[in-house]
């Protein structure tokens, strides 16, 4: 009554918990001893989740129940992790026998091609045997917003390994640039605090968790992307960047700040002294030391960069004063009037004469890779629009249901939320001949309802009652399929490292092959 919102108890529960209507019915039914059966059909997407979750359980079992796993466990203990923390993060171990996971998953009768596509096993060309991708590594499972495992990051135990960390390859579930470690596991706490602490490494997140800072997150060993910044904004309003205190950490901070601010996030920055990383600092100074660091070394992004600019100011040198004025005008270009007034007084006192910010300043170009600019552009136009129009078509009628389902279900998509809506529509038609919008809305989570309402508002076809003929549907499907190839090309471009010529040549060959495949698909459409 207090919020003035009406509705049925199940609807209320689903919105409060942020889950679907069906999930709400099952949870509430369980409380009173009623088993709610779902008529929702199983899809290959669900099978993928099942495989990934089962793989994570396999790794966790190996950590505690094999001799090799005991060595990994001892390493984790030496890093300061206790059993409670290890189990919370579901850390596991991949043995070095090269085939234990492959044999286990195959024994469950999972499709071998699907296991390969998920980046868990690979087939030898010599003997046609299947082998594990991850071997002799501590395994960190990566989860999405549904809290299902979608990928892994494996840390080497042996110093002889070339790569300290290896991540899962890009799969239908795992898009490294769209995933953030530990973003959803403590979502209630994050929502309550409305803040996350952004670290560089997994062990930073884990060390902070053990001393009570459970809202830590990390990217997947790569620079923060705009997509990841938008994901963070869906969960919290404020980000505290706690990157390593070395030069690389400072550079990573400088690249992350504009992306976070572009996502409309409040940005604070923690300076870690002496070139240490947060994990090392917490080990050395314990909880009390880290608390003190947070009290004394956190600055908002304006103060952080202003103090740096101030170090280069010589009030007795006209050129220095002119450079200072130009720099602060650029820095505060996107600040609101209250923030500007705060600093105008401070700057005036520092310079010894009245200072006001310029009204219009050309901001410096944002450090966004050309590949990412292209990615955002093609994602924002024809590919995602095609996916949206297919959803709108199915909301109106089921004429092309089987065609769309066969091509895009289980795992082809541009925007994950679009895929989830599309899958829900397919499931709905399994039980109904026609789609009743108000009834359909009750079957999906509130966040997806909001997303779908946005699609409907954007859609010219929905607003004007237009429908698609089969030829148009096929072209739309091909656009969605081609995005999957472009996404893979983009991921490979991010891995290019010209310091390693052999690796770079291999990646460039893969990119060339994918571009060739993309051209063929474009010609067919």
Protein backbone atom coordinates (compact mmCIF):
# COMPACT_ATOMS: atom_id res chain seq x y z
CA UNK A 1 0.00 0.00 0.00
CA UNK A 2 2.81 2.38 0.86
CA UNK A 3 4.23 2.40 -2.66
CA UNK A 4 0.81 2.78 -4.27
CA UNK A 5 1.41 -0.15 -6.63
CA UNK A 6 -1.22 -2.86 -7.03
CA UNK A 7 -1.05 -6.39 -8.35
CA UNK A 8 -1.12 -10.04 -7.37
CA UNK A 9 1.20 -11.53 -4.71
CA UNK A 10 3.15 -13.50 -7.30
CA UNK A 11 3.70 -10.39 -9.41
CA UNK A 12 4.82 -8.47 -6.32
CA UNK A 13 7.27 -11.21 -5.32
CA UNK A 14 8.74 -11.47 -8.83
CA UNK A 15 9.36 -7.71 -8.98
CA UNK A 16 10.83 -7.49 -5.48
CA UNK A 17 13.24 -10.36 -6.17
CA UNK A 18 13.93 -9.42 -9.79
CA UNK A 19 12.96 -12.87 -11.08
CA UNK A 20 10.42 -14.21 -13.59
CA UNK A 21 6.80 -14.95 -12.77
CA UNK A 22 7.47 -18.69 -13.14
CA UNK A 23 10.46 -18.55 -10.78
CA UNK A 24 8.37 -16.65 -8.24
CA UNK A 25 5.64 -19.30 -8.38
CA UNK A 26 8.18 -22.09 -7.88
CA UNK A 27 9.91 -20.38 -4.93
CA UNK A 28 6.69 -19.49 -3.12
CA UNK A 29 5.27 -22.95 -3.83
CA UNK A 30 8.34 -24.54 -2.28
CA UNK A 31 7.74 -22.59 0.93
CA UNK A 32 4.34 -24.18 1.45
CA UNK A 33 5.20 -27.61 0.09
CA UNK A 34 3.64 -27.29 -3.36
CA UNK A 35 5.81 -28.32 -6.32
CA UNK A 36 5.12 -26.01 -9.26
CA UNK A 37 5.77 -27.80 -12.54
CA UNK A 38 7.02 -25.76 -15.47
CA UNK A 39 5.94 -26.64 -18.98
CA UNK A 40 8.85 -24.71 -20.38
CA UNK A 41 10.71 -26.79 -22.93
CA UNK A 42 14.40 -27.48 -22.53
CA UNK A 43 16.64 -25.75 -25.03
CA UNK A 44 20.23 -26.17 -26.05
CA UNK A 45 21.00 -22.95 -24.25
CA UNK A 46 19.92 -24.57 -21.00
CA UNK A 47 22.08 -27.56 -21.85
CA UNK A 48 25.06 -25.24 -22.21
CA UNK A 49 24.42 -23.82 -18.75
CA UNK A 50 24.08 -27.35 -17.41
CA UNK A 51 27.40 -28.38 -18.94
CA UNK A 52 29.24 -25.33 -17.64
CA UNK A 53 27.83 -25.69 -14.13
CA UNK A 54 28.67 -29.39 -14.09
CA UNK A 55 32.19 -28.61 -15.28
CA UNK A 56 32.60 -26.14 -12.43
CA UNK A 57 31.48 -28.81 -9.95
CA UNK A 58 34.00 -31.23 -11.49
CA UNK A 59 36.84 -28.74 -10.97
CA UNK A 60 35.74 -28.05 -7.38
CA UNK A 61 35.70 -31.77 -6.64
CA UNK A 62 39.20 -32.17 -8.11
CA UNK A 63 40.57 -29.39 -5.90
CA UNK A 64 39.61 -31.13 -2.67
CA UNK A 65 39.69 -34.79 -3.68
CA UNK A 66 42.78 -35.40 -5.81
CA UNK A 67 46.48 -35.42 -4.93
CA UNK A 68 47.22 -32.77 -7.56
CA UNK A 69 44.34 -30.71 -6.26
CA UNK A 70 45.89 -30.77 -2.77
CA UNK A 71 48.95 -28.94 -4.14
CA UNK A 72 46.66 -26.30 -5.64
CA UNK A 73 44.77 -26.08 -2.36
CA UNK A 74 48.03 -25.51 -0.46
CA UNK A 75 48.85 -22.70 -2.88
CA UNK A 76 45.49 -21.06 -2.20
CA UNK A 77 46.01 -21.37 1.56
CA UNK A 78 49.43 -19.72 1.18
CA UNK A 79 47.72 -16.88 -0.69
CA UNK A 80 45.60 -16.35 2.41
CA UNK A 81 42.33 -17.95 1.26
CA UNK A 82 40.29 -20.01 3.69
CA UNK A 83 37.87 -22.83 2.84
CA UNK A 84 34.79 -20.63 3.24
CA UNK A 85 36.13 -18.18 0.68
CA UNK A 86 37.27 -20.91 -1.71
CA UNK A 87 33.79 -22.42 -1.65
CA UNK A 88 32.04 -19.06 -2.02
CA UNK A 89 34.01 -18.31 -5.18
CA UNK A 90 33.66 -21.97 -6.26
CA UNK A 91 37.35 -22.15 -7.07
CA UNK A 92 38.44 -25.47 -8.55
CA UNK A 93 41.34 -27.25 -10.17
CA UNK A 94 41.96 -28.75 -13.62
CA UNK A 95 44.17 -31.84 -13.33
CA UNK A 96 47.09 -32.37 -15.67
CA UNK A 97 46.04 -35.76 -17.04
CA UNK A 98 44.64 -33.99 -20.13
CA UNK A 99 41.50 -36.12 -20.45
CA UNK A 100 39.65 -36.40 -17.13
CA UNK A 101 37.09 -33.67 -17.88
CA UNK A 102 36.60 -34.79 -21.48
CA UNK A 103 35.91 -38.39 -20.45
CA UNK A 104 33.56 -37.29 -17.67
CA UNK A 105 31.45 -34.99 -19.84
CA UNK A 106 31.33 -37.46 -22.73
CA UNK A 107 30.15 -40.13 -20.28
CA UNK A 108 27.08 -37.94 -19.65
CA UNK A 109 26.29 -38.24 -23.38
CA UNK A 110 26.75 -34.56 -24.14
CA UNK A 111 27.26 -33.69 -27.78
CA UNK A 112 31.01 -33.57 -28.43
CA UNK A 113 30.72 -30.69 -30.87
CA UNK A 114 28.88 -28.67 -28.23
CA UNK A 115 31.59 -29.41 -25.65
CA UNK A 116 34.17 -28.23 -28.17
CA UNK A 117 32.16 -25.12 -28.98
CA UNK A 118 32.02 -24.29 -25.27
CA UNK A 119 35.82 -24.30 -25.15
CA UNK A 120 36.09 -27.20 -22.69
CA UNK A 121 37.63 -29.92 -24.86
CA UNK A 122 39.34 -30.28 -28.22
CA UNK A 123 39.83 -33.20 -30.60
CA UNK A 124 43.26 -34.36 -31.68
CA UNK A 125 43.78 -34.61 -35.44
CA UNK A 126 46.30 -37.44 -34.91
CA UNK A 127 44.26 -39.95 -32.95
CA UNK A 128 40.77 -38.37 -32.88
CA UNK A 129 40.82 -38.46 -29.07
CA UNK A 130 39.30 -35.63 -27.03
CA UNK A 131 41.48 -33.65 -24.63
CA UNK A 132 40.85 -31.04 -21.95
CA UNK A 133 41.55 -27.39 -22.80
CA UNK A 134 42.51 -26.50 -19.22
CA UNK A 135 45.25 -28.53 -17.54
CA UNK A 136 47.13 -28.09 -14.24
CA UNK A 137 45.43 -24.78 -13.49
CA UNK A 138 43.46 -23.27 -10.63
CA UNK A 139 40.03 -22.61 -12.08
CA UNK A 140 37.92 -19.52 -11.44
CA UNK A 141 34.34 -19.88 -12.73
CA UNK A 142 32.81 -16.78 -14.33
CA UNK A 143 29.06 -16.24 -13.93
CA UNK A 144 26.47 -14.15 -15.72
CA UNK A 145 23.43 -12.34 -14.32
CA UNK A 146 21.56 -15.66 -13.95
CA UNK A 147 24.38 -16.92 -11.70
CA UNK A 148 25.11 -19.70 -14.18
CA UNK A 149 28.71 -20.42 -15.08
CA UNK A 150 29.50 -19.14 -18.59
CA UNK A 151 33.28 -19.44 -18.70
CA UNK A 152 36.50 -19.99 -16.80
CA UNK A 153 39.80 -18.35 -16.11
CA UNK A 154 42.61 -20.75 -15.33
CA UNK A 155 45.71 -19.69 -13.39
CA UNK A 156 48.89 -21.67 -13.97
CA UNK A 157 50.45 -23.48 -11.01
CA UNK A 158 53.75 -23.99 -12.79
CA UNK A 159 56.08 -21.05 -13.44
CA UNK A 160 57.11 -22.80 -16.68
CA UNK A 161 53.76 -21.97 -18.31
CA UNK A 162 53.95 -19.13 -20.85
CA UNK A 163 50.61 -17.63 -19.79
CA UNK A 164 49.82 -17.06 -16.12
CA UNK A 165 46.09 -16.85 -16.90
CA UNK A 166 44.10 -18.44 -19.72
CA UNK A 167 40.46 -17.48 -20.24
CA UNK A 168 37.74 -19.46 -21.96
CA UNK A 169 37.51 -18.73 -25.65
CA UNK A 170 34.58 -16.70 -26.98
CA UNK A 171 31.48 -18.90 -26.92
CA UNK A 172 27.72 -18.42 -27.26
CA UNK A 173 27.67 -17.85 -23.48
CA UNK A 174 31.01 -16.20 -22.86
CA UNK A 175 31.86 -12.79 -24.36
CA UNK A 176 34.91 -11.55 -22.48
CA UNK A 177 34.26 -7.89 -23.22
CA UNK A 178 30.70 -8.22 -21.86
CA UNK A 179 31.51 -10.15 -18.65
CA UNK A 180 32.58 -8.88 -15.22
CA UNK A 181 33.90 -11.15 -12.49
CA UNK A 182 31.78 -11.32 -9.30
CA UNK A 183 29.32 -8.61 -10.40
CA UNK A 184 26.20 -10.63 -9.59
CA UNK A 185 27.15 -12.96 -6.73
CA UNK A 186 26.54 -10.22 -4.13
CA UNK A 187 23.91 -8.29 -6.06
CA UNK A 188 21.74 -7.55 -3.00
CA UNK A 189 24.70 -6.02 -1.18
CA UNK A 190 25.73 -4.06 -4.27
CA UNK A 191 22.20 -2.76 -4.64
CA UNK A 192 22.15 -1.74 -0.97
CA UNK A 193 25.51 0.07 -1.12
CA UNK A 194 24.92 1.31 -4.69
CA UNK A 195 28.66 0.99 -5.17
CA UNK A 196 31.21 -1.49 -6.50
CA UNK A 197 34.97 -1.63 -6.04
CA UNK A 198 36.64 -2.24 -9.40
CA UNK A 199 39.85 -4.27 -9.13
CA UNK A 200 42.25 -5.55 -11.78
CA UNK A 201 42.64 -9.13 -10.55
CA UNK A 202 40.63 -12.01 -9.14
CA UNK A 203 42.81 -12.29 -6.04
CA UNK A 204 42.21 -8.60 -5.31
CA UNK A 205 38.46 -9.24 -5.31
CA UNK A 206 38.89 -12.32 -3.12
CA UNK A 207 41.26 -10.65 -0.62
CA UNK A 208 38.84 -7.73 -0.20
CA UNK A 209 35.94 -10.15 0.22
CA UNK A 210 37.69 -11.92 3.08
CA UNK A 211 38.01 -8.70 5.09
CA UNK A 212 34.38 -7.73 4.55
CA UNK A 213 34.43 -5.76 1.30
CA UNK A 214 32.14 -8.07 -0.64
CA UNK A 215 31.19 -5.68 -3.45
CA UNK A 216 34.45 -6.13 -5.35
CA UNK A 217 34.46 -6.89 -9.08
CA UNK A 218 37.11 -7.31 -11.79
CA UNK A 219 37.41 -7.34 -15.55
CA UNK A 220 38.75 -10.39 -17.34
CA UNK A 221 42.40 -9.42 -17.52
CA UNK A 222 41.74 -6.80 -20.19
CA UNK A 223 41.09 -3.07 -20.26
CA UNK A 224 37.58 -2.04 -19.20
CA UNK A 225 35.17 -1.80 -22.15
CA UNK A 226 32.23 0.55 -22.62
CA UNK A 227 29.94 -2.47 -22.56
CA UNK A 228 31.29 -3.49 -19.15
CA UNK A 229 30.83 0.06 -17.86
CA UNK A 230 27.17 -0.06 -18.88
CA UNK A 231 26.77 -3.43 -17.13
CA UNK A 232 28.13 -1.91 -13.93
CA UNK A 233 25.71 1.01 -14.19
CA UNK A 234 22.79 -1.43 -14.19
CA UNK A 235 23.89 -2.64 -10.75
CA UNK A 236 25.29 0.45 -9.03
CA UNK A 237 25.67 4.21 -9.37
CA UNK A 238 29.20 4.60 -8.00
CA UNK A 239 32.48 2.90 -8.87
CA UNK A 240 35.61 2.98 -6.74
CA UNK A 241 38.60 2.15 -8.97
CA UNK A 242 41.21 0.23 -6.97
CA UNK A 243 43.76 -0.70 -9.61
CA UNK A 244 47.39 -1.59 -8.92
CA UNK A 245 49.65 1.22 -7.73
CA UNK A 246 52.22 0.80 -10.52
CA UNK A 247 52.44 2.74 -13.77
CA UNK A 248 50.38 0.15 -15.64
CA UNK A 249 47.62 0.49 -13.04
CA UNK A 250 47.66 4.28 -13.37
CA UNK A 251 47.39 4.01 -17.15
CA UNK A 252 44.52 1.52 -16.83
CA UNK A 253 42.76 3.96 -14.48
CA UNK A 254 43.15 6.78 -17.00
CA UNK A 255 41.56 4.63 -19.69
CA UNK A 256 38.72 3.39 -17.46
CA UNK A 257 37.56 6.74 -16.05
CA UNK A 258 36.09 8.24 -19.29
CA UNK A 259 34.26 4.99 -20.08
CA UNK A 260 32.75 4.81 -16.60
CA UNK A 261 31.71 8.46 -16.69
CA UNK A 262 30.21 7.99 -20.15
CA UNK A 263 28.01 5.28 -18.57
CA UNK A 264 26.76 7.93 -16.11
CA UNK A 265 28.63 6.48 -13.14
CA UNK A 266 30.09 8.44 -10.23
CA UNK A 267 33.79 7.62 -10.20
CA UNK A 268 36.13 7.57 -7.20
CA UNK A 269 39.76 6.45 -7.28
CA UNK A 270 41.82 4.70 -4.60
CA UNK A 271 45.57 5.26 -4.82
CA UNK A 272 47.51 2.17 -3.74
CA UNK A 273 50.97 3.28 -2.50
CA UNK A 274 54.40 1.84 -3.19
CA UNK A 275 53.42 0.17 -6.44
CA UNK A 276 51.54 -2.58 -4.58
CA UNK A 277 48.37 -4.30 -5.71
CA UNK A 278 45.33 -4.47 -3.38
CA UNK A 279 45.89 -8.16 -2.59
CA UNK A 280 49.47 -7.48 -1.41
CA UNK A 281 48.39 -4.42 0.52
CA UNK A 282 45.65 -6.30 2.37
CA UNK A 283 48.06 -9.14 3.23
CA UNK A 284 50.59 -6.70 4.64
CA UNK A 285 48.33 -4.20 6.40
CA UNK A 286 45.29 -6.37 7.19
CA UNK A 287 41.72 -5.13 7.43
CA UNK A 288 42.55 -2.13 9.60
CA UNK A 289 45.23 -0.92 7.21
CA UNK A 290 42.94 -1.22 4.19
CA UNK A 291 40.17 0.64 6.04
CA UNK A 292 42.61 3.44 6.81
CA UNK A 293 43.70 3.51 3.17
CA UNK A 294 40.08 3.89 2.07
CA UNK A 295 39.58 6.73 4.54
CA UNK A 296 42.65 8.69 3.47
CA UNK A 297 43.45 7.81 -0.15
CA UNK A 298 40.13 7.92 -2.00
CA UNK A 299 39.47 10.88 -4.27
CA UNK A 300 36.67 11.63 -6.69
CA UNK A 301 37.84 11.62 -10.30
CA UNK A 302 37.94 15.44 -10.50
CA UNK A 303 40.08 15.79 -7.36
CA UNK A 304 42.33 12.93 -8.49
CA UNK A 305 43.25 14.57 -11.79
CA UNK A 306 43.14 18.13 -10.42
CA UNK A 307 45.79 17.29 -7.81
CA UNK A 308 47.96 15.83 -10.57
CA UNK A 309 47.59 18.99 -12.70
CA UNK A 310 48.37 21.11 -9.63
CA UNK A 311 51.77 19.45 -9.27
CA UNK A 312 52.83 21.03 -12.58
CA UNK A 313 51.61 24.57 -11.76
CA UNK A 314 54.12 27.37 -11.24
CA UNK A 315 52.09 30.48 -10.30
CA UNK A 316 55.08 32.69 -11.15
CA UNK A 317 55.32 31.42 -14.72
CA UNK A 318 52.80 32.75 -17.25
CA UNK A 319 53.13 29.74 -19.56
CA UNK A 320 52.55 27.34 -16.65
CA UNK A 321 49.45 29.29 -15.52
CA UNK A 322 48.09 29.28 -19.07
CA UNK A 323 48.62 25.51 -19.40
CA UNK A 324 47.01 25.01 -16.00
CA UNK A 325 43.91 26.98 -17.01
CA UNK A 326 43.57 25.02 -20.24
CA UNK A 327 43.96 21.68 -18.43
CA UNK A 328 41.40 22.40 -15.71
CA UNK A 329 38.89 23.67 -18.28
CA UNK A 330 39.18 20.39 -20.12
CA UNK A 331 39.04 18.33 -16.91
CA UNK A 332 35.86 19.98 -15.64
CA UNK A 333 34.15 20.26 -19.01
CA UNK A 334 31.56 17.59 -18.11
CA UNK A 335 31.12 18.65 -14.47
CA UNK A 336 27.88 20.20 -13.24
CA UNK A 337 27.71 23.77 -11.96
CA UNK A 338 27.95 22.82 -8.28
CA UNK A 339 31.24 20.97 -8.82
CA UNK A 340 32.59 23.84 -10.89
CA UNK A 341 31.72 26.40 -8.23
CA UNK A 342 33.49 24.24 -5.61
CA UNK A 343 36.72 24.29 -7.58
CA UNK A 344 36.46 27.85 -8.95
CA UNK A 345 37.00 29.23 -5.44
CA UNK A 346 39.93 26.86 -4.81
CA UNK A 347 41.56 27.67 -8.15
CA UNK A 348 41.07 31.41 -7.61
CA UNK A 349 42.83 31.19 -4.22
CA UNK A 350 45.66 29.20 -5.79
CA UNK A 351 46.17 31.63 -8.71
CA UNK A 352 45.62 34.79 -6.67
CA UNK A 353 42.95 36.23 -8.99
CA UNK A 354 39.29 35.39 -9.82
CA UNK A 355 38.91 32.30 -12.02
CA UNK A 356 35.82 31.00 -13.81
CA UNK A 357 35.59 28.00 -16.08
CA UNK A 358 35.10 28.56 -19.80
CA UNK A 359 31.54 27.91 -20.91
CA UNK A 360 32.46 25.76 -23.88
CA UNK A 361 35.55 23.64 -24.09
CA UNK A 362 36.34 21.01 -26.67
CA UNK A 363 36.93 17.86 -24.72
CA UNK A 364 39.93 15.70 -25.62
CA UNK A 365 39.20 12.69 -27.82
CA UNK A 366 38.25 9.61 -25.84
CA UNK A 367 40.69 6.71 -25.96
CA UNK A 368 38.46 4.23 -27.73
CA UNK A 369 40.01 1.70 -30.11
CA UNK A 370 38.89 2.02 -33.70
CA UNK A 371 37.76 -1.61 -33.64
CA UNK A 372 35.51 -0.91 -30.67
CA UNK A 373 34.05 2.17 -32.37
CA UNK A 374 33.14 0.00 -35.34
CA UNK A 375 31.77 -2.67 -33.04
CA UNK A 376 29.50 -0.21 -31.21
CA UNK A 377 28.36 1.27 -34.52
CA UNK A 378 27.36 -1.99 -36.20
CA UNK A 379 25.86 -3.30 -32.98
CA UNK A 380 23.77 -0.13 -32.62
CA UNK A 381 22.38 -0.14 -36.13
CA UNK A 382 21.45 -2.89 -38.54
CA UNK A 383 22.32 -5.98 -36.50
CA UNK A 384 20.50 -5.17 -33.28
CA UNK A 385 17.68 -3.55 -35.26
CA UNK A 386 17.24 -6.77 -37.23
CA UNK A 387 17.09 -8.75 -34.00
CA UNK A 388 14.53 -6.31 -32.60
CA UNK A 389 12.33 -6.55 -35.71
CA UNK A 390 12.28 -10.36 -35.46
CA UNK A 391 11.08 -10.07 -31.86
CA UNK A 392 8.38 -7.60 -32.90
CA UNK A 393 7.29 -9.95 -35.71
CA UNK A 394 6.83 -12.82 -33.25
CA UNK A 395 4.92 -10.62 -30.83
CA UNK A 396 2.36 -10.05 -33.60
CA UNK A 397 2.12 -13.53 -35.11
CA UNK A 398 3.79 -16.95 -35.19
CA UNK A 399 4.01 -17.37 -38.98
CA UNK A 400 7.81 -17.45 -39.07
CA UNK A 401 8.31 -19.01 -35.65
CA UNK A 402 9.91 -22.26 -36.83
CA UNK A 403 12.29 -20.48 -39.21
CA UNK A 404 13.48 -18.00 -36.57
CA UNK A 405 13.71 -20.71 -33.92
CA UNK A 406 15.76 -23.04 -36.09
CA UNK A 407 18.27 -20.32 -37.01
CA UNK A 408 18.66 -18.30 -33.80
CA UNK A 409 17.79 -20.69 -31.00
CA UNK A 410 19.79 -21.92 -29.18
CA UNK A 411 22.71 -19.50 -29.23
CA UNK A 412 22.87 -16.83 -31.94
CA UNK A 413 22.28 -13.28 -30.77
CA UNK A 414 23.44 -9.67 -30.86
CA UNK A 415 22.12 -8.42 -27.51
CA UNK A 416 21.76 -11.00 -24.73
CA UNK A 417 18.52 -9.47 -23.40
CA UNK A 418 17.03 -9.74 -26.89
CA UNK A 419 17.96 -13.42 -26.99
CA UNK A 420 16.36 -14.04 -23.60
CA UNK A 421 13.14 -12.38 -24.78
CA UNK A 422 13.22 -14.33 -28.03
CA UNK A 423 13.69 -17.58 -26.15
CA UNK A 424 10.79 -16.69 -23.83
CA UNK A 425 8.55 -16.02 -26.85
CA UNK A 426 9.45 -19.40 -28.36
CA UNK A 427 8.63 -21.09 -25.05
CA UNK A 428 5.33 -19.19 -24.83
CA UNK A 429 4.26 -20.40 -28.27
CA UNK A 430 4.92 -23.97 -27.13
CA UNK A 431 1.87 -23.57 -24.89
CA UNK A 432 -0.27 -21.03 -26.77
CA UNK A 433 -1.46 -20.55 -30.34
CA UNK A 434 -1.40 -16.77 -30.10
CA UNK A 435 0.62 -14.39 -27.95
CA UNK A 436 -1.33 -12.21 -25.51
CA UNK A 437 1.06 -9.43 -24.55
CA UNK A 438 -0.16 -8.83 -21.00
CA UNK A 439 -0.04 -12.55 -20.30
CA UNK A 440 3.41 -12.88 -21.86
CA UNK A 441 4.74 -10.04 -19.70
CA UNK A 442 3.93 -12.12 -16.63
CA UNK A 443 6.29 -14.88 -17.79
CA UNK A 444 9.46 -12.76 -17.94
CA UNK A 445 11.49 -10.92 -15.32
CA UNK A 446 10.80 -7.19 -14.69
CA UNK A 447 14.16 -6.20 -16.21
CA UNK A 448 13.28 -8.01 -19.44
CA UNK A 449 9.82 -6.42 -19.49
CA UNK A 450 11.45 -3.01 -19.27
CA UNK A 451 13.87 -3.92 -22.06
CA UNK A 452 11.06 -5.21 -24.29
CA UNK A 453 8.98 -2.08 -23.73
CA UNK A 454 11.98 -0.07 -24.93
CA UNK A 455 12.24 -2.20 -28.08
CA UNK A 456 8.55 -1.68 -28.80
CA UNK A 457 8.87 2.08 -28.42
CA UNK A 458 11.85 2.15 -30.80
CA UNK A 459 10.25 -0.10 -33.42
CA UNK A 460 8.76 1.53 -36.50
CA UNK A 461 7.14 -1.81 -37.36
CA UNK A 462 5.40 -2.02 -33.98
CA UNK A 463 4.22 1.58 -34.05
CA UNK A 464 2.77 1.24 -37.57
CA UNK A 465 1.56 -2.37 -37.49
CA UNK A 466 3.94 -3.61 -40.19
CA UNK A 467 4.73 -7.31 -40.69
CA UNK A 468 7.66 -9.10 -42.35
CA UNK A 469 7.48 -11.45 -45.31
CA UNK A 470 9.60 -14.60 -45.32
CA UNK A 471 12.32 -13.12 -47.55
CA UNK A 472 12.72 -10.16 -45.17
CA UNK A 473 12.80 -12.51 -42.17
CA UNK A 474 15.62 -14.51 -43.75
CA UNK A 475 17.66 -11.35 -44.40
CA UNK A 476 17.13 -10.23 -40.81
CA UNK A 477 18.32 -13.62 -39.56
CA UNK A 478 21.45 -13.42 -41.72
CA UNK A 479 22.25 -10.01 -40.25
CA UNK A 480 22.01 -11.42 -36.74
CA UNK A 481 24.17 -14.42 -37.73
CA UNK A 482 26.82 -12.19 -39.33
CA UNK A 483 27.14 -10.23 -36.09
CA UNK A 484 28.36 -13.39 -34.36
CA UNK A 485 31.25 -13.53 -36.85
CA UNK A 486 32.00 -9.82 -36.39
CA UNK A 487 32.01 -10.26 -32.62
CA UNK A 488 34.58 -13.03 -32.97
CA UNK A 489 36.71 -10.86 -35.24
CA UNK A 490 36.57 -8.05 -32.69
CA UNK A 491 37.61 -10.39 -29.87
CA UNK A 492 40.61 -11.55 -31.91
CA UNK A 493 41.60 -7.95 -32.68
CA UNK A 494 41.70 -7.28 -28.94
CA UNK A 495 44.18 -10.14 -28.52
CA UNK A 496 46.62 -8.85 -31.14
CA UNK A 497 50.07 -8.34 -29.67
CA UNK A 498 52.71 -7.39 -32.22
CA UNK A 499 55.45 -8.01 -29.68
CA UNK A 500 54.70 -11.70 -30.22
CA UNK A 501 54.96 -12.01 -34.01
CA UNK A 502 54.06 -15.72 -34.19
CA UNK A 503 50.92 -15.27 -32.13
CA UNK A 504 50.00 -12.12 -34.09
CA UNK A 505 50.33 -13.98 -37.40
CA UNK A 506 48.10 -16.79 -36.15
CA UNK A 507 45.45 -14.32 -35.03
CA UNK A 508 45.62 -12.39 -38.30
CA UNK A 509 45.10 -15.63 -40.23
CA UNK A 510 42.02 -16.38 -38.12
CA UNK A 511 40.71 -12.87 -38.78
CA UNK A 512 41.28 -13.30 -42.52
CA UNK A 513 39.38 -16.61 -42.55
CA UNK A 514 36.48 -15.08 -40.61
CA UNK A 515 36.33 -12.08 -42.96
CA UNK A 516 36.17 -14.49 -45.87
CA UNK A 517 33.28 -16.32 -44.21
CA UNK A 518 31.58 -13.00 -43.52
CA UNK A 519 31.85 -11.93 -47.17
CA UNK A 520 30.28 -15.21 -48.29
CA UNK A 521 27.38 -14.71 -45.91
CA UNK A 522 26.95 -11.09 -47.07
CA UNK A 523 26.80 -12.20 -50.72
CA UNK A 524 24.14 -14.80 -49.92
CA UNK A 525 22.00 -12.16 -48.21
